[in-house]
């Protein structure tokens, strides 16, 4: 099991949470499923670049979740976006 936490740029300001809350009603359940998979340790859709992971969801505009791993059981969610906004 992995623990997911949001990175905060300043107290109460999470880029991931801001992005997530702006998703439409079709996209947010898809992202919820990705988060559940990450918590279970399913990391097959993550591409790693210099310590930063990009989880690729091939649905809709191509959602991305950016993250880092801190130790063996913690994932820090940095932000989200779409393929066109990389």
PDB file of N, CA and C in Angstrom:
ATOM      1  N   UNK A   1       0.841  -1.191   0.000  1.00  0.00           N
ATOM      2  CA  UNK A   1       0.000   0.000   0.000  1.00  0.00           C
ATOM      3  C   UNK A   1       0.879   1.245   0.000  1.00  0.00           C
ATOM      4  N   UNK A   2       0.440   2.242  -0.703  1.00  0.00           N
ATOM      5  CA  UNK A   2       1.143   3.515  -0.779  1.00  0.00           C
ATOM      6  C   UNK A   2       0.258   4.606  -0.192  1.00  0.00           C
ATOM      7  N   UNK A   3       0.882   5.580   0.380  1.00  0.00           N
ATOM      8  CA  UNK A   3       0.178   6.753   0.882  1.00  0.00           C
ATOM      9  C   UNK A   3       0.370   7.872  -0.129  1.00  0.00           C
ATOM     10  N   UNK A   4      -0.714   8.536  -0.504  1.00  0.00           N
ATOM     11  CA  UNK A   4      -0.643   9.676  -1.416  1.00  0.00           C
ATOM     12  C   UNK A   4      -0.829  10.954  -0.628  1.00  0.00           C
ATOM     13  N   UNK A   5       0.020  11.926  -0.880  1.00  0.00           N
ATOM     14  CA  UNK A   5      -0.158  13.247  -0.278  1.00  0.00           C
ATOM     15  C   UNK A   5       0.011  14.299  -1.362  1.00  0.00           C
ATOM     16  N   UNK A   6      -0.595  15.440  -1.151  1.00  0.00           N
ATOM     17  CA  UNK A   6      -0.461  16.555  -2.083  1.00  0.00           C
ATOM     18  C   UNK A   6       0.723  17.414  -1.682  1.00  0.00           C
ATOM     19  N   UNK A   7       1.527  17.787  -2.657  1.00  0.00           N
ATOM     20  CA  UNK A   7       2.578  18.762  -2.438  1.00  0.00           C
ATOM     21  C   UNK A   7       1.918  20.124  -2.255  1.00  0.00           C
ATOM     22  N   UNK A   8       2.354  20.883  -1.267  1.00  0.00           N
ATOM     23  CA  UNK A   8       1.835  22.238  -1.045  1.00  0.00           C
ATOM     24  C   UNK A   8       2.947  23.249  -1.270  1.00  0.00           C
ATOM     25  N   UNK A   9       2.723  24.163  -2.224  1.00  0.00           N
ATOM     26  CA  UNK A   9       3.695  25.225  -2.492  1.00  0.00           C
ATOM     27  C   UNK A   9       3.800  26.158  -1.297  1.00  0.00           C
ATOM     28  N   UNK A  10       2.667  26.388  -0.674  1.00  0.00           N
ATOM     29  CA  UNK A  10       2.577  27.153   0.563  1.00  0.00           C
ATOM     30  C   UNK A  10       1.413  26.538   1.342  1.00  0.00           C
ATOM     31  N   UNK A  11       1.299  26.822   2.631  1.00  0.00           N
ATOM     32  CA  UNK A  11       0.224  26.180   3.406  1.00  0.00           C
ATOM     33  C   UNK A  11      -1.156  26.356   2.752  1.00  0.00           C
ATOM     34  N   UNK A  12      -1.803  25.227   2.488  1.00  0.00           N
ATOM     35  CA  UNK A  12      -3.137  25.243   1.900  1.00  0.00           C
ATOM     36  C   UNK A  12      -3.193  25.425   0.396  1.00  0.00           C
ATOM     37  N   UNK A  13      -2.043  25.540  -0.276  1.00  0.00           N
ATOM     38  CA  UNK A  13      -2.032  25.750  -1.727  1.00  0.00           C
ATOM     39  C   UNK A  13      -1.370  24.556  -2.412  1.00  0.00           C
ATOM     40  N   UNK A  14      -2.214  23.655  -2.929  1.00  0.00           N
ATOM     41  CA  UNK A  14      -1.759  22.454  -3.608  1.00  0.00           C
ATOM     42  C   UNK A  14      -2.077  22.550  -5.096  1.00  0.00           C
ATOM     43  N   UNK A  15      -1.059  22.576  -5.962  1.00  0.00           N
ATOM     44  CA  UNK A  15      -1.327  22.606  -7.405  1.00  0.00           C
ATOM     45  C   UNK A  15      -2.155  21.407  -7.877  1.00  0.00           C
ATOM     46  N   UNK A  16      -1.887  20.226  -7.322  1.00  0.00           N
ATOM     47  CA  UNK A  16      -2.659  19.053  -7.722  1.00  0.00           C
ATOM     48  C   UNK A  16      -4.118  19.218  -7.326  1.00  0.00           C
ATOM     49  N   UNK A  17      -4.385  19.615  -6.101  1.00  0.00           N
ATOM     50  CA  UNK A  17      -5.761  19.759  -5.615  1.00  0.00           C
ATOM     51  C   UNK A  17      -6.505  20.816  -6.444  1.00  0.00           C
ATOM     52  N   UNK A  18      -5.850  21.915  -6.764  1.00  0.00           N
ATOM     53  CA  UNK A  18      -6.476  22.964  -7.581  1.00  0.00           C
ATOM     54  C   UNK A  18      -6.870  22.404  -8.950  1.00  0.00           C
ATOM     55  N   UNK A  19      -5.966  21.645  -9.565  1.00  0.00           N
ATOM     56  CA  UNK A  19      -6.245  21.041 -10.868  1.00  0.00           C
ATOM     57  C   UNK A  19      -7.389  20.042 -10.747  1.00  0.00           C
ATOM     58  N   UNK A  20      -7.329  19.181  -9.729  1.00  0.00           N
ATOM     59  CA  UNK A  20      -8.339  18.142  -9.535  1.00  0.00           C
ATOM     60  C   UNK A  20      -9.734  18.742  -9.348  1.00  0.00           C
ATOM     61  N   UNK A  21      -9.835  19.772  -8.552  1.00  0.00           N
ATOM     62  CA  UNK A  21     -11.136  20.388  -8.274  1.00  0.00           C
ATOM     63  C   UNK A  21     -11.744  21.069  -9.504  1.00  0.00           C
ATOM     64  N   UNK A  22     -10.912  21.379 -10.491  1.00  0.00           N
ATOM     65  CA  UNK A  22     -11.401  22.018 -11.719  1.00  0.00           C
ATOM     66  C   UNK A  22     -11.829  21.003 -12.789  1.00  0.00           C
ATOM     67  N   UNK A  23     -11.623  19.708 -12.537  1.00  0.00           N
ATOM     68  CA  UNK A  23     -12.004  18.697 -13.521  1.00  0.00           C
ATOM     69  C   UNK A  23     -13.520  18.605 -13.663  1.00  0.00           C
ATOM     70  N   UNK A  24     -13.960  18.182 -14.836  1.00  0.00           N
ATOM     71  CA  UNK A  24     -15.401  18.027 -15.037  1.00  0.00           C
ATOM     72  C   UNK A  24     -15.885  16.714 -14.426  1.00  0.00           C
ATOM     73  N   UNK A  25     -17.201  16.512 -14.440  1.00  0.00           N
ATOM     74  CA  UNK A  25     -17.805  15.367 -13.761  1.00  0.00           C
ATOM     75  C   UNK A  25     -17.493  14.026 -14.427  1.00  0.00           C
ATOM     76  N   UNK A  26     -17.008  14.033 -15.652  1.00  0.00           N
ATOM     77  CA  UNK A  26     -16.602  12.782 -16.301  1.00  0.00           C
ATOM     78  C   UNK A  26     -15.147  12.452 -15.998  1.00  0.00           C
ATOM     79  N   UNK A  27     -14.314  13.465 -15.888  1.00  0.00           N
ATOM     80  CA  UNK A  27     -12.882  13.246 -15.681  1.00  0.00           C
ATOM     81  C   UNK A  27     -12.548  12.895 -14.233  1.00  0.00           C
ATOM     82  N   UNK A  28     -13.222  13.519 -13.280  1.00  0.00           N
ATOM     83  CA  UNK A  28     -12.839  13.289 -11.880  1.00  0.00           C
ATOM     84  C   UNK A  28     -12.964  11.822 -11.447  1.00  0.00           C
ATOM     85  N   UNK A  29     -13.994  11.070 -11.861  1.00  0.00           N
ATOM     86  CA  UNK A  29     -14.005   9.647 -11.494  1.00  0.00           C
ATOM     87  C   UNK A  29     -12.848   8.863 -12.120  1.00  0.00           C
ATOM     88  N   UNK A  30     -12.440   9.247 -13.324  1.00  0.00           N
ATOM     89  CA  UNK A  30     -11.296   8.590 -13.966  1.00  0.00           C
ATOM     90  C   UNK A  30     -10.027   8.837 -13.151  1.00  0.00           C
ATOM     91  N   UNK A  31      -9.848  10.065 -12.689  1.00  0.00           N
ATOM     92  CA  UNK A  31      -8.675  10.400 -11.878  1.00  0.00           C
ATOM     93  C   UNK A  31      -8.759   9.700 -10.530  1.00  0.00           C
ATOM     94  N   UNK A  32      -9.956   9.602  -9.961  1.00  0.00           N
ATOM     95  CA  UNK A  32     -10.129   8.856  -8.702  1.00  0.00           C
ATOM     96  C   UNK A  32      -9.659   7.411  -8.858  1.00  0.00           C
ATOM     97  N   UNK A  33      -9.963   6.811  -9.996  1.00  0.00           N
ATOM     98  CA  UNK A  33      -9.533   5.434 -10.257  1.00  0.00           C
ATOM     99  C   UNK A  33      -8.008   5.349 -10.330  1.00  0.00           C
ATOM    100  N   UNK A  34      -7.387   6.323 -10.991  1.00  0.00           N
ATOM    101  CA  UNK A  34      -5.926   6.351 -11.064  1.00  0.00           C
ATOM    102  C   UNK A  34      -5.332   6.468  -9.660  1.00  0.00           C
ATOM    103  N   UNK A  35      -5.882   7.343  -8.839  1.00  0.00           N
ATOM    104  CA  UNK A  35      -5.363   7.527  -7.485  1.00  0.00           C
ATOM    105  C   UNK A  35      -5.499   6.246  -6.664  1.00  0.00           C
ATOM    106  N   UNK A  36      -6.619   5.552  -6.835  1.00  0.00           N
ATOM    107  CA  UNK A  36      -6.814   4.279  -6.124  1.00  0.00           C
ATOM    108  C   UNK A  36      -5.780   3.250  -6.579  1.00  0.00           C
ATOM    109  N   UNK A  37      -5.498   3.213  -7.870  1.00  0.00           N
ATOM    110  CA  UNK A  37      -4.487   2.282  -8.383  1.00  0.00           C
ATOM    111  C   UNK A  37      -3.107   2.621  -7.827  1.00  0.00           C
ATOM    112  N   UNK A  38      -2.787   3.912  -7.771  1.00  0.00           N
ATOM    113  CA  UNK A  38      -1.495   4.315  -7.210  1.00  0.00           C
ATOM    114  C   UNK A  38      -1.373   3.879  -5.759  1.00  0.00           C
ATOM    115  N   UNK A  39      -2.450   4.042  -5.002  1.00  0.00           N
ATOM    116  CA  UNK A  39      -2.423   3.627  -3.597  1.00  0.00           C
ATOM    117  C   UNK A  39      -2.205   2.121  -3.456  1.00  0.00           C
ATOM    118  N   UNK A  40      -2.687   1.357  -4.425  1.00  0.00           N
ATOM    119  CA  UNK A  40      -2.532  -0.096  -4.394  1.00  0.00           C
ATOM    120  C   UNK A  40      -1.174  -0.567  -4.931  1.00  0.00           C
ATOM    121  N   UNK A  41      -0.413   0.368  -5.459  1.00  0.00           N
ATOM    122  CA  UNK A  41       0.907   0.008  -5.967  1.00  0.00           C
ATOM    123  C   UNK A  41       0.959  -0.302  -7.444  1.00  0.00           C
ATOM    124  N   UNK A  42      -0.089   0.011  -8.185  1.00  0.00           N
ATOM    125  CA  UNK A  42      -0.104  -0.200  -9.638  1.00  0.00           C
ATOM    126  C   UNK A  42       0.539   1.023 -10.289  1.00  0.00           C
ATOM    127  N   UNK A  43       1.770   0.847 -10.720  1.00  0.00           N
ATOM    128  CA  UNK A  43       2.533   1.974 -11.257  1.00  0.00           C
ATOM    129  C   UNK A  43       2.965   1.759 -12.702  1.00  0.00           C
ATOM    130  N   UNK A  44       2.282   0.879 -13.401  1.00  0.00           N
ATOM    131  CA  UNK A  44       2.698   0.518 -14.760  1.00  0.00           C
ATOM    132  C   UNK A  44       2.567   1.659 -15.764  1.00  0.00           C
ATOM    133  N   UNK A  45       1.715   2.629 -15.501  1.00  0.00           N
ATOM    134  CA  UNK A  45       1.536   3.733 -16.442  1.00  0.00           C
ATOM    135  C   UNK A  45       2.405   4.940 -16.118  1.00  0.00           C
ATOM    136  N   UNK A  46       3.364   4.783 -15.220  1.00  0.00           N
ATOM    137  CA  UNK A  46       4.233   5.907 -14.850  1.00  0.00           C
ATOM    138  C   UNK A  46       5.509   5.849 -15.680  1.00  0.00           C
ATOM    139  N   UNK A  47       5.844   6.986 -16.279  1.00  0.00           N
ATOM    140  CA  UNK A  47       7.124   7.157 -16.962  1.00  0.00           C
ATOM    141  C   UNK A  47       7.967   8.062 -16.072  1.00  0.00           C
ATOM    142  N   UNK A  48       9.203   7.674 -15.811  1.00  0.00           N
ATOM    143  CA  UNK A  48      10.079   8.419 -14.902  1.00  0.00           C
ATOM    144  C   UNK A  48      11.113   9.213 -15.685  1.00  0.00           C
ATOM    145  N   UNK A  49      11.285  10.468 -15.301  1.00  0.00           N
ATOM    146  CA  UNK A  49      12.268  11.363 -15.901  1.00  0.00           C
ATOM    147  C   UNK A  49      12.973  12.116 -14.772  1.00  0.00           C
ATOM    148  N   UNK A  50      14.219  11.731 -14.524  1.00  0.00           N
ATOM    149  CA  UNK A  50      15.032  12.411 -13.506  1.00  0.00           C
ATOM    150  C   UNK A  50      14.328  12.526 -12.159  1.00  0.00           C
ATOM    151  N   UNK A  51      13.695  11.453 -11.726  1.00  0.00           N
ATOM    152  CA  UNK A  51      13.070  11.413 -10.412  1.00  0.00           C
ATOM    153  C   UNK A  51      11.628  11.884 -10.356  1.00  0.00           C
ATOM    154  N   UNK A  52      11.119  12.443 -11.445  1.00  0.00           N
ATOM    155  CA  UNK A  52       9.725  12.887 -11.493  1.00  0.00           C
ATOM    156  C   UNK A  52       8.945  11.905 -12.357  1.00  0.00           C
ATOM    157  N   UNK A  53       7.825  11.453 -11.837  1.00  0.00           N
ATOM    158  CA  UNK A  53       6.990  10.515 -12.560  1.00  0.00           C
ATOM    159  C   UNK A  53       5.835  11.212 -13.255  1.00  0.00           C
ATOM    160  N   UNK A  54       5.472  10.679 -14.405  1.00  0.00           N
ATOM    161  CA  UNK A  54       4.324  11.163 -15.150  1.00  0.00           C
ATOM    162  C   UNK A  54       3.399   9.972 -15.368  1.00  0.00           C
ATOM    163  N   UNK A  55       2.259   9.985 -14.703  1.00  0.00           N
ATOM    164  CA  UNK A  55       1.260   8.942 -14.908  1.00  0.00           C
ATOM    165  C   UNK A  55       0.406   9.366 -16.096  1.00  0.00           C
ATOM    166  N   UNK A  56       0.352   8.527 -17.111  1.00  0.00           N
ATOM    167  CA  UNK A  56      -0.378   8.837 -18.342  1.00  0.00           C
ATOM    168  C   UNK A  56      -1.707   8.097 -18.335  1.00  0.00           C
ATOM    169  N   UNK A  57      -2.793   8.856 -18.451  1.00  0.00           N
ATOM    170  CA  UNK A  57      -4.129   8.279 -18.567  1.00  0.00           C
ATOM    171  C   UNK A  57      -4.600   8.522 -19.997  1.00  0.00           C
ATOM    172  N   UNK A  58      -4.645   7.465 -20.777  1.00  0.00           N
ATOM    173  CA  UNK A  58      -5.038   7.577 -22.184  1.00  0.00           C
ATOM    174  C   UNK A  58      -6.555   7.607 -22.308  1.00  0.00           C
ATOM    175  N   UNK A  59      -7.110   8.711 -21.904  1.00  0.00           N
ATOM    176  CA  UNK A  59      -8.554   8.932 -21.968  1.00  0.00           C
ATOM    177  C   UNK A  59      -8.775  10.427 -22.140  1.00  0.00           C
ATOM    178  N   UNK A  60      -9.805  10.795 -22.875  1.00  0.00           N
ATOM    179  CA  UNK A  60     -10.101  12.215 -23.074  1.00  0.00           C
ATOM    180  C   UNK A  60      -8.917  12.925 -23.713  1.00  0.00           C
ATOM    181  N   UNK A  61      -8.526  14.065 -23.160  1.00  0.00           N
ATOM    182  CA  UNK A  61      -7.426  14.824 -23.750  1.00  0.00           C
ATOM    183  C   UNK A  61      -6.043  14.270 -23.377  1.00  0.00           C
ATOM    184  N   UNK A  62      -5.999  13.121 -22.718  1.00  0.00           N
ATOM    185  CA  UNK A  62      -4.716  12.546 -22.323  1.00  0.00           C
ATOM    186  C   UNK A  62      -4.242  13.133 -21.005  1.00  0.00           C
ATOM    187  N   UNK A  63      -4.953  12.827 -19.950  1.00  0.00           N
ATOM    188  CA  UNK A  63      -4.626  13.384 -18.633  1.00  0.00           C
ATOM    189  C   UNK A  63      -3.285  12.884 -18.140  1.00  0.00           C
ATOM    190  N   UNK A  64      -2.578  13.757 -17.406  1.00  0.00           N
ATOM    191  CA  UNK A  64      -1.290  13.453 -16.809  1.00  0.00           C
ATOM    192  C   UNK A  64      -1.344  13.800 -15.330  1.00  0.00           C
ATOM    193  N   UNK A  65      -0.701  12.966 -14.513  1.00  0.00           N
ATOM    194  CA  UNK A  65      -0.514  13.276 -13.104  1.00  0.00           C
ATOM    195  C   UNK A  65       0.985  13.236 -12.853  1.00  0.00           C
ATOM    196  N   UNK A  66       1.513  14.299 -12.286  1.00  0.00           N
ATOM    197  CA  UNK A  66       2.943  14.406 -12.023  1.00  0.00           C
ATOM    198  C   UNK A  66       3.187  14.137 -10.546  1.00  0.00           C
ATOM    199  N   UNK A  67       4.225  13.339 -10.276  1.00  0.00           N
ATOM    200  CA  UNK A  67       4.449  12.884  -8.905  1.00  0.00           C
ATOM    201  C   UNK A  67       5.919  12.569  -8.670  1.00  0.00           C
ATOM    202  N   UNK A  68       6.240  12.406  -7.409  1.00  0.00           N
ATOM    203  CA  UNK A  68       7.538  11.881  -7.015  1.00  0.00           C
ATOM    204  C   UNK A  68       7.291  10.801  -5.973  1.00  0.00           C
ATOM    205  N   UNK A  69       8.217   9.874  -5.880  1.00  0.00           N
ATOM    206  CA  UNK A  69       8.159   8.847  -4.846  1.00  0.00           C
ATOM    207  C   UNK A  69       9.137   9.245  -3.753  1.00  0.00           C
ATOM    208  N   UNK A  70       8.693   9.141  -2.530  1.00  0.00           N
ATOM    209  CA  UNK A  70       9.541   9.450  -1.381  1.00  0.00           C
ATOM    210  C   UNK A  70       9.597   8.195  -0.519  1.00  0.00           C
ATOM    211  N   UNK A  71      10.642   7.424  -0.684  1.00  0.00           N
ATOM    212  CA  UNK A  71      10.728   6.145   0.016  1.00  0.00           C
ATOM    213  C   UNK A  71       9.933   5.079  -0.698  1.00  0.00           C
ATOM    214  N   UNK A  72       9.649   4.015   0.030  1.00  0.00           N
ATOM    215  CA  UNK A  72       8.974   2.875  -0.585  1.00  0.00           C
ATOM    216  C   UNK A  72       7.454   2.942  -0.548  1.00  0.00           C
ATOM    217  N   UNK A  73       6.885   3.803   0.295  1.00  0.00           N
ATOM    218  CA  UNK A  73       5.438   3.762   0.495  1.00  0.00           C
ATOM    219  C   UNK A  73       4.745   5.106   0.399  1.00  0.00           C
ATOM    220  N   UNK A  74       5.405   6.112  -0.146  1.00  0.00           N
ATOM    221  CA  UNK A  74       4.816   7.446  -0.185  1.00  0.00           C
ATOM    222  C   UNK A  74       4.933   8.034  -1.580  1.00  0.00           C
ATOM    223  N   UNK A  75       3.828   8.538  -2.067  1.00  0.00           N
ATOM    224  CA  UNK A  75       3.814   9.230  -3.358  1.00  0.00           C
ATOM    225  C   UNK A  75       3.318  10.650  -3.115  1.00  0.00           C
ATOM    226  N   UNK A  76       4.078  11.613  -3.608  1.00  0.00           N
ATOM    227  CA  UNK A  76       3.719  13.017  -3.475  1.00  0.00           C
ATOM    228  C   UNK A  76       3.174  13.493  -4.813  1.00  0.00           C
ATOM    229  N   UNK A  77       1.928  13.939  -4.812  1.00  0.00           N
ATOM    230  CA  UNK A  77       1.269  14.419  -6.036  1.00  0.00           C
ATOM    231  C   UNK A  77       1.663  15.867  -6.271  1.00  0.00           C
ATOM    232  N   UNK A  78       2.324  16.130  -7.401  1.00  0.00           N
ATOM    233  CA  UNK A  78       2.808  17.473  -7.702  1.00  0.00           C
ATOM    234  C   UNK A  78       1.795  18.306  -8.468  1.00  0.00           C
ATOM    235  N   UNK A  79       1.119  17.697  -9.407  1.00  0.00           N
ATOM    236  CA  UNK A  79       0.181  18.451 -10.228  1.00  0.00           C
ATOM    237  C   UNK A  79      -0.439  17.555 -11.276  1.00  0.00           C
ATOM    238  N   UNK A  80      -1.271  18.142 -12.107  1.00  0.00           N
ATOM    239  CA  UNK A  80      -1.925  17.403 -13.172  1.00  0.00           C
ATOM    240  C   UNK A  80      -2.083  18.270 -14.392  1.00  0.00           C
ATOM    241  N   UNK A  81      -2.423  17.648 -15.488  1.00  0.00           N
ATOM    242  CA  UNK A  81      -2.623  18.391 -16.717  1.00  0.00           C
ATOM    243  C   UNK A  81      -3.089  17.458 -17.820  1.00  0.00           C
ATOM    244  N   UNK A  82      -2.927  17.934 -19.042  1.00  0.00           N
ATOM    245  CA  UNK A  82      -3.276  17.129 -20.216  1.00  0.00           C
ATOM    246  C   UNK A  82      -2.081  17.076 -21.147  1.00  0.00           C
ATOM    247  N   UNK A  83      -2.170  16.188 -22.111  1.00  0.00           N
ATOM    248  CA  UNK A  83      -1.072  16.039 -23.055  1.00  0.00           C
ATOM    249  C   UNK A  83      -0.760  17.372 -23.747  1.00  0.00           C
ATOM    250  N   UNK A  84      -1.769  18.115 -24.115  1.00  0.00           N
ATOM    251  CA  UNK A  84      -1.547  19.373 -24.821  1.00  0.00           C
ATOM    252  C   UNK A  84      -0.941  20.456 -23.928  1.00  0.00           C
ATOM    253  N   UNK A  85      -1.031  20.291 -22.626  1.00  0.00           N
ATOM    254  CA  UNK A  85      -0.509  21.298 -21.713  1.00  0.00           C
ATOM    255  C   UNK A  85       0.829  20.958 -21.106  1.00  0.00           C
ATOM    256  N   UNK A  86       1.516  19.952 -21.650  1.00  0.00           N
ATOM    257  CA  UNK A  86       2.797  19.524 -21.072  1.00  0.00           C
ATOM    258  C   UNK A  86       3.813  20.620 -21.039  1.00  0.00           C
TER     259      UNK A  86
END
